[in-house]
N, C-alpha and C. Protein backbone atom coordinates (compact mmCIF):
# COMPACT_ATOMS: atom_id res chain seq x y z
N UNK A 1 120.32 64.10 250.89
CA UNK A 1 121.17 64.35 249.96
C UNK A 1 121.24 63.09 248.85
N UNK A 2 121.29 63.74 247.45
CA UNK A 2 121.18 62.58 246.48
C UNK A 2 122.60 61.99 246.19
N UNK A 3 122.62 60.78 245.69
CA UNK A 3 123.66 59.98 245.54
C UNK A 3 124.62 60.63 244.68
N UNK A 4 126.01 60.69 244.98
CA UNK A 4 126.92 61.11 244.19
C UNK A 4 127.41 60.11 243.25
N UNK A 5 128.03 60.40 242.02
CA UNK A 5 128.51 59.52 241.14
C UNK A 5 130.02 59.65 241.18
N UNK A 6 130.72 58.52 241.27
CA UNK A 6 132.29 58.47 241.31
C UNK A 6 132.77 58.51 239.79
N UNK A 7 133.62 59.29 239.62
CA UNK A 7 134.52 59.44 238.41
C UNK A 7 135.90 59.33 238.59
N UNK A 8 136.62 58.66 237.67
CA UNK A 8 138.19 58.61 237.75
C UNK A 8 138.72 59.75 237.20
N UNK A 9 140.10 59.58 236.77
CA UNK A 9 140.75 60.69 236.16
C UNK A 9 140.14 60.90 234.84
N UNK A 10 139.39 59.97 234.08
CA UNK A 10 138.88 60.22 232.87
C UNK A 10 137.31 59.68 232.96
N UNK A 11 136.53 60.13 232.08
CA UNK A 11 135.21 59.68 231.96
C UNK A 11 134.72 59.63 230.38
N UNK A 12 133.91 58.73 230.25
CA UNK A 12 133.21 58.81 228.84
C UNK A 12 132.08 59.67 228.92
N UNK A 13 131.91 60.49 227.91
CA UNK A 13 130.84 61.56 227.91
C UNK A 13 130.06 61.42 226.57
N UNK A 14 128.82 61.86 226.62
CA UNK A 14 128.01 62.18 225.38
C UNK A 14 127.53 63.53 225.57
N UNK A 15 127.68 64.18 224.30
CA UNK A 15 127.10 65.59 224.08
C UNK A 15 126.12 65.46 222.98
N UNK A 16 124.79 65.10 223.42
CA UNK A 16 123.86 64.56 222.02
C UNK A 16 123.51 65.89 221.22
N UNK A 17 123.43 67.21 221.92
CA UNK A 17 123.15 68.35 221.16
C UNK A 17 124.30 68.69 220.07
N UNK A 18 125.51 68.18 220.44
CA UNK A 18 126.52 68.33 219.54
C UNK A 18 126.99 67.18 218.66
N UNK A 19 126.04 66.34 218.64
CA UNK A 19 126.41 65.09 218.05
C UNK A 19 127.57 64.25 218.32
N UNK A 20 128.04 64.40 219.65
CA UNK A 20 129.45 63.66 220.04
C UNK A 20 128.84 62.56 221.11
N UNK A 21 129.39 61.46 220.84
CA UNK A 21 129.16 60.26 221.71
C UNK A 21 130.32 59.38 222.06
N UNK A 22 130.41 58.95 223.35
CA UNK A 22 131.41 58.09 223.72
C UNK A 22 132.89 58.76 223.54
N UNK A 23 132.89 60.05 223.99
CA UNK A 23 134.07 60.72 224.03
C UNK A 23 134.90 60.55 225.45
N UNK A 24 136.29 60.41 225.37
CA UNK A 24 136.99 60.21 226.59
C UNK A 24 137.23 61.76 227.01
N UNK A 25 136.87 62.07 228.22
CA UNK A 25 137.27 63.47 228.82
C UNK A 25 138.00 63.45 229.95
N UNK A 26 138.83 64.29 230.10
CA UNK A 26 139.65 64.36 231.19
C UNK A 26 139.06 65.15 232.34
N UNK A 27 139.01 64.43 233.53
CA UNK A 27 138.50 65.14 234.81
C UNK A 27 139.49 66.10 235.27
N UNK A 28 139.19 67.35 235.39
CA UNK A 28 140.09 68.32 235.87
C UNK A 28 139.33 69.25 237.05
N UNK A 29 139.56 68.77 238.31
CA UNK A 29 138.94 69.61 239.35
C UNK A 29 139.64 71.04 239.59
N UNK A 30 140.56 71.24 238.87
CA UNK A 30 141.38 72.68 238.78
C UNK A 30 140.85 73.67 237.87
N UNK A 31 140.09 73.03 236.87
CA UNK A 31 139.34 73.83 235.93
C UNK A 31 138.06 74.26 236.51
N UNK A 32 137.73 75.52 236.24
CA UNK A 32 136.50 76.20 236.74
C UNK A 32 135.43 75.56 235.74
N UNK A 33 135.55 75.35 234.59
CA UNK A 33 134.56 75.11 233.65
C UNK A 33 134.90 73.92 232.73
N UNK A 34 134.09 73.33 232.02
CA UNK A 34 134.24 72.25 231.01
C UNK A 34 134.85 72.83 229.70
N UNK A 35 135.52 72.33 228.94
CA UNK A 35 136.08 72.77 227.56
C UNK A 35 136.02 71.65 226.58
N UNK A 36 135.82 71.94 225.29
CA UNK A 36 135.92 70.86 224.30
C UNK A 36 136.79 71.55 223.20
N UNK A 37 137.50 70.74 222.48
CA UNK A 37 138.32 70.95 221.39
C UNK A 37 137.69 71.43 220.07
N UNK A 38 138.08 72.54 219.51
CA UNK A 38 137.57 73.18 218.34
C UNK A 38 138.70 73.65 217.42
N UNK A 39 138.66 73.09 216.11
CA UNK A 39 139.76 73.52 215.24
C UNK A 39 139.42 74.83 214.56
N UNK A 40 137.97 75.21 214.59
CA UNK A 40 137.58 76.47 214.05
C UNK A 40 136.65 77.20 214.92
N UNK A 41 136.95 78.40 215.31
CA UNK A 41 136.04 79.17 216.15
C UNK A 41 136.13 80.51 215.64
N UNK A 42 134.70 81.02 215.20
CA UNK A 42 134.59 82.29 214.57
C UNK A 42 133.24 83.01 215.25
N UNK A 43 133.43 84.19 215.64
CA UNK A 43 132.30 84.93 216.14
C UNK A 43 132.02 86.19 214.88
N UNK A 44 130.77 86.10 214.39
CA UNK A 44 130.55 87.13 213.40
C UNK A 44 129.21 87.67 213.54
N UNK A 45 128.97 88.88 212.97
CA UNK A 45 127.69 89.48 212.90
C UNK A 45 126.75 88.98 211.88
N UNK A 46 125.49 88.70 212.12
CA UNK A 46 124.52 88.38 211.06
C UNK A 46 123.51 89.18 211.32
N UNK A 47 122.52 89.33 210.36
CA UNK A 47 121.38 90.22 210.38
C UNK A 47 120.46 89.90 211.59
N UNK A 48 120.61 88.74 212.28
CA UNK A 48 119.80 88.41 213.53
C UNK A 48 120.67 88.67 214.66
N UNK A 49 122.03 89.26 214.43
CA UNK A 49 122.72 89.45 215.62
C UNK A 49 123.94 88.61 215.63
N UNK A 50 124.81 88.60 216.69
CA UNK A 50 126.10 87.76 216.70
C UNK A 50 125.89 86.32 216.61
N UNK A 51 126.77 85.69 215.93
CA UNK A 51 126.67 84.27 215.91
C UNK A 51 128.17 83.73 216.22
N UNK A 52 128.04 82.42 216.76
CA UNK A 52 129.39 81.67 217.07
C UNK A 52 129.43 80.51 216.11
N UNK A 53 130.43 80.36 215.35
CA UNK A 53 130.58 79.19 214.41
C UNK A 53 131.75 78.30 214.95
N UNK A 54 131.62 77.01 215.11
CA UNK A 54 132.69 76.27 215.44
C UNK A 54 132.69 74.87 214.66
N UNK A 55 133.89 74.40 214.49
CA UNK A 55 134.12 72.92 214.04
C UNK A 55 134.85 72.21 214.98
N UNK A 56 134.19 71.24 215.54
CA UNK A 56 134.79 70.46 216.57
C UNK A 56 135.84 69.55 216.23
N UNK A 57 136.78 69.50 217.05
CA UNK A 57 138.11 68.54 216.87
C UNK A 57 138.83 68.88 215.68
N UNK A 58 140.12 68.39 215.48
CA UNK A 58 141.01 68.55 214.64
C UNK A 58 140.73 67.44 213.47
N UNK A 59 141.13 67.86 212.24
CA UNK A 59 140.86 66.96 211.08
C UNK A 59 141.30 65.45 211.20
N UNK A 60 142.45 65.45 212.00
CA UNK A 60 143.03 64.04 212.27
C UNK A 60 142.35 63.27 213.38
N UNK A 61 141.34 63.93 213.95
CA UNK A 61 140.64 63.22 215.07
C UNK A 61 139.60 62.28 214.68
N UNK A 62 139.44 61.20 215.32
CA UNK A 62 138.28 60.27 214.87
C UNK A 62 137.02 60.81 215.02
N UNK A 63 136.71 61.90 215.87
CA UNK A 63 135.37 62.47 216.03
C UNK A 63 135.12 63.70 215.10
N UNK A 64 136.12 64.03 214.06
CA UNK A 64 136.02 65.00 213.45
C UNK A 64 135.07 64.79 212.26
N UNK A 65 134.23 65.79 212.02
CA UNK A 65 133.18 65.57 210.94
C UNK A 65 133.35 66.70 209.80
N UNK A 66 134.00 67.71 210.28
CA UNK A 66 133.97 68.90 209.44
C UNK A 66 132.75 69.85 209.39
N UNK A 67 131.65 69.38 210.09
CA UNK A 67 130.42 70.25 210.19
C UNK A 67 130.68 71.42 210.88
N UNK A 68 130.16 72.49 210.35
CA UNK A 68 130.32 73.79 210.98
C UNK A 68 128.94 74.01 211.95
N UNK A 69 129.12 74.10 213.20
CA UNK A 69 127.93 74.30 214.30
C UNK A 69 127.73 75.82 214.28
N UNK A 70 126.56 76.30 214.28
CA UNK A 70 126.23 77.71 214.42
C UNK A 70 125.47 77.83 215.70
N UNK A 71 125.89 78.89 216.55
CA UNK A 71 125.00 79.06 217.76
C UNK A 71 124.71 80.52 217.87
N UNK A 72 123.42 80.68 218.09
CA UNK A 72 122.93 82.12 218.39
C UNK A 72 123.09 82.57 219.88
N UNK A 73 123.05 81.51 220.65
CA UNK A 73 123.07 81.71 222.10
C UNK A 73 124.56 81.37 222.72
N UNK A 74 125.21 82.47 222.93
CA UNK A 74 126.58 82.04 223.54
C UNK A 74 127.12 83.23 224.41
N UNK A 75 127.99 82.95 225.14
CA UNK A 75 128.51 84.07 225.87
C UNK A 75 130.14 83.97 225.74
N UNK A 76 130.65 85.20 225.87
CA UNK A 76 132.19 85.24 226.10
C UNK A 76 132.59 85.26 227.47
N UNK A 77 133.68 84.51 227.76
CA UNK A 77 133.97 84.36 229.19
C UNK A 77 135.52 84.47 229.39
N UNK A 78 136.12 85.16 230.34
CA UNK A 78 137.53 85.16 230.50
C UNK A 78 137.90 83.84 231.34
N UNK A 79 138.71 83.19 230.84
CA UNK A 79 139.25 81.90 231.50
C UNK A 79 140.86 81.98 231.62
N UNK A 80 141.34 81.32 232.56
CA UNK A 80 142.85 81.14 232.60
C UNK A 80 143.16 79.82 231.90
N UNK A 81 144.05 79.93 231.10
CA UNK A 81 144.52 78.59 230.32
C UNK A 81 145.51 77.81 231.24
N UNK A 82 145.96 76.86 230.68
CA UNK A 82 146.80 75.94 231.54
C UNK A 82 148.29 76.61 231.82
N UNK A 83 148.52 77.71 231.17
CA UNK A 83 149.79 78.42 231.38
C UNK A 83 149.52 79.59 232.37
N UNK A 84 148.33 79.71 232.72
CA UNK A 84 148.01 80.97 233.67
C UNK A 84 147.62 82.18 232.95
N UNK A 85 147.56 82.14 231.68
CA UNK A 85 147.20 83.50 230.93
C UNK A 85 145.72 83.53 230.80
N UNK A 86 145.10 84.84 230.75
CA UNK A 86 143.81 84.91 230.60
C UNK A 86 143.39 84.90 229.06
N UNK A 87 142.31 84.29 228.65
CA UNK A 87 141.97 84.20 227.44
C UNK A 87 140.38 84.43 227.36
N UNK A 88 139.86 85.09 226.34
CA UNK A 88 138.39 85.18 226.40
C UNK A 88 137.98 83.92 225.33
N UNK A 89 137.05 83.23 225.83
CA UNK A 89 136.53 82.11 225.22
C UNK A 89 135.15 82.11 225.01
N UNK A 90 134.64 81.62 223.83
CA UNK A 90 133.16 81.46 223.76
C UNK A 90 132.74 80.18 224.43
N UNK A 91 131.54 80.33 224.94
CA UNK A 91 130.80 79.31 225.67
C UNK A 91 129.52 79.00 225.33
N UNK A 92 128.90 77.71 225.48
CA UNK A 92 127.45 77.61 225.19
C UNK A 92 126.98 76.81 226.36
N UNK A 93 125.67 76.81 226.45
CA UNK A 93 125.16 75.90 227.50
C UNK A 93 124.49 74.78 226.71
N UNK A 94 124.95 73.53 227.16
CA UNK A 94 124.51 72.25 226.41
C UNK A 94 124.48 71.00 227.28
N UNK A 95 123.83 70.12 226.92
CA UNK A 95 123.44 68.90 227.74
C UNK A 95 124.77 68.07 227.61
N UNK A 96 125.11 67.47 228.76
CA UNK A 96 126.35 66.55 228.82
C UNK A 96 125.86 65.22 229.51
N UNK A 97 126.19 64.05 229.03
CA UNK A 97 125.64 62.75 229.85
C UNK A 97 127.08 62.14 230.24
N UNK A 98 127.02 61.97 231.56
CA UNK A 98 128.19 61.23 232.17
C UNK A 98 127.60 60.00 232.99
N UNK A 99 127.93 58.90 232.85
CA UNK A 99 127.31 57.77 233.63
C UNK A 99 125.86 57.68 233.58
N UNK A 100 125.19 58.00 232.38
CA UNK A 100 123.97 57.92 232.16
C UNK A 100 123.02 59.09 232.85
N UNK A 101 123.85 60.01 233.52
CA UNK A 101 123.21 61.13 234.17
C UNK A 101 123.30 62.33 233.31
N UNK A 102 122.29 63.02 233.12
CA UNK A 102 122.32 64.16 231.97
C UNK A 102 122.27 65.46 232.83
N UNK A 103 123.22 66.48 232.48
CA UNK A 103 123.34 67.67 233.16
C UNK A 103 123.43 68.81 231.98
N UNK A 104 122.91 70.01 232.31
CA UNK A 104 123.12 71.14 231.50
C UNK A 104 124.35 71.97 232.03
N UNK A 105 125.32 72.23 231.33
CA UNK A 105 126.52 73.03 231.83
C UNK A 105 126.98 73.94 230.79
N UNK A 106 127.72 74.98 231.09
CA UNK A 106 128.45 75.75 230.22
C UNK A 106 129.72 75.00 229.78
N UNK A 107 129.90 74.93 228.37
CA UNK A 107 131.10 74.48 227.82
C UNK A 107 131.79 75.49 226.87
N UNK A 108 133.12 75.57 227.12
CA UNK A 108 134.00 76.42 226.41
C UNK A 108 134.58 75.76 225.11
N UNK A 109 135.00 76.56 224.16
CA UNK A 109 135.65 75.90 222.96
C UNK A 109 137.04 76.52 222.98
N UNK A 110 138.00 75.65 222.79
CA UNK A 110 139.43 75.87 222.44
C UNK A 110 139.98 74.89 221.73
N UNK A 111 141.28 75.23 221.11
CA UNK A 111 141.99 74.32 220.38
C UNK A 111 142.80 73.40 221.18
N UNK A 112 142.26 72.14 221.49
CA UNK A 112 143.00 71.25 222.28
C UNK A 112 143.68 70.22 221.58
N UNK A 113 144.09 70.40 220.17
CA UNK A 113 144.53 69.43 219.22
C UNK A 113 145.90 68.86 219.80
N UNK A 114 146.56 69.55 220.42
CA UNK A 114 147.98 69.02 220.95
C UNK A 114 148.08 68.49 222.32
N UNK A 115 146.74 68.46 222.81
CA UNK A 115 146.55 67.81 224.21
C UNK A 115 146.01 66.50 224.06
N UNK A 116 146.22 65.54 224.93
CA UNK A 116 145.81 64.29 225.14
C UNK A 116 144.43 63.90 224.94
N UNK A 117 143.64 64.78 225.85
CA UNK A 117 142.08 64.65 225.78
C UNK A 117 141.40 65.95 225.16
N UNK A 118 140.47 65.56 224.31
CA UNK A 118 139.68 66.75 223.53
C UNK A 118 138.76 67.29 224.36
N UNK A 119 138.51 66.95 225.53
CA UNK A 119 137.49 67.64 226.53
C UNK A 119 138.04 67.48 227.91
N UNK A 120 137.67 68.75 228.82
CA UNK A 120 137.99 68.70 229.97
C UNK A 120 136.65 68.79 230.73
N UNK A 121 136.37 68.09 231.97
CA UNK A 121 135.28 68.26 232.71
C UNK A 121 135.75 69.06 233.91
N UNK A 122 135.19 70.24 234.04
CA UNK A 122 135.56 71.11 235.07
C UNK A 122 134.67 71.12 236.32
N UNK A 123 134.88 71.98 237.28
CA UNK A 123 134.14 72.07 238.51
C UNK A 123 132.69 72.50 238.26
N UNK A 124 132.47 73.10 237.16
CA UNK A 124 130.90 73.40 236.92
C UNK A 124 130.09 72.39 236.80
N UNK A 125 130.67 71.23 236.23
CA UNK A 125 129.99 69.79 236.17
C UNK A 125 130.20 69.05 237.28
N UNK A 126 131.45 68.94 237.97
CA UNK A 126 131.69 68.12 239.01
C UNK A 126 130.83 68.35 240.19
N UNK A 127 130.66 69.71 240.43
CA UNK A 127 129.87 70.08 241.84
C UNK A 127 128.45 69.80 241.58
N UNK A 128 128.04 69.29 240.49
CA UNK A 128 126.57 68.77 240.32
C UNK A 128 126.40 67.46 240.83
N UNK A 129 127.17 66.87 241.46
CA UNK A 129 127.09 65.52 242.03
C UNK A 129 128.09 64.42 241.63
N UNK A 130 129.25 64.90 241.58
CA UNK A 130 130.27 63.92 241.32
C UNK A 130 131.30 63.84 242.31
N UNK A 131 131.99 62.72 242.61
CA UNK A 131 133.24 62.51 243.39
C UNK A 131 134.27 62.12 242.64
N UNK A 132 135.42 62.75 242.73
CA UNK A 132 136.64 62.26 241.68
C UNK A 132 137.49 61.33 242.73
N UNK A 133 137.68 60.14 242.12
CA UNK A 133 138.57 59.09 242.58
C UNK A 133 139.50 58.67 241.66
N UNK A 134 140.70 59.21 241.44
CA UNK A 134 141.73 58.95 240.50
C UNK A 134 142.27 57.65 240.40
N UNK A 135 141.91 56.72 241.48
CA UNK A 135 142.26 55.31 241.42
C UNK A 135 141.33 54.54 240.61
N UNK A 136 140.48 55.22 240.12
CA UNK A 136 139.45 54.32 239.32
C UNK A 136 139.65 54.59 237.89
């Protein structure tokens, strides 16, 4: 059995393919998947097929760049939000680095501007070798 990495209630993460580094994320073992804040989310048809356009974070956020990221490869998945309602959210597969360990996971986009943390780390990441210890 490989060694498991212990994380606390929060963790610093890097998302190199999204250009995001040293982001504080909330560990949420109740969430099925990871999610990151986006102030702009649009799905549109292009001559090459459907595209997903996102702008990460809120303009008041220190990580905000205003850059529009375009993805060809994405899925739409029904997820339950924190209020228990189902929502269809776009998700991409990308690399996330936690404690110098890189993993590839699905990450969904939603507006988290009114929440304390811009990213949630869900079970789809945690089950890849993490132990949650909220005392850390």
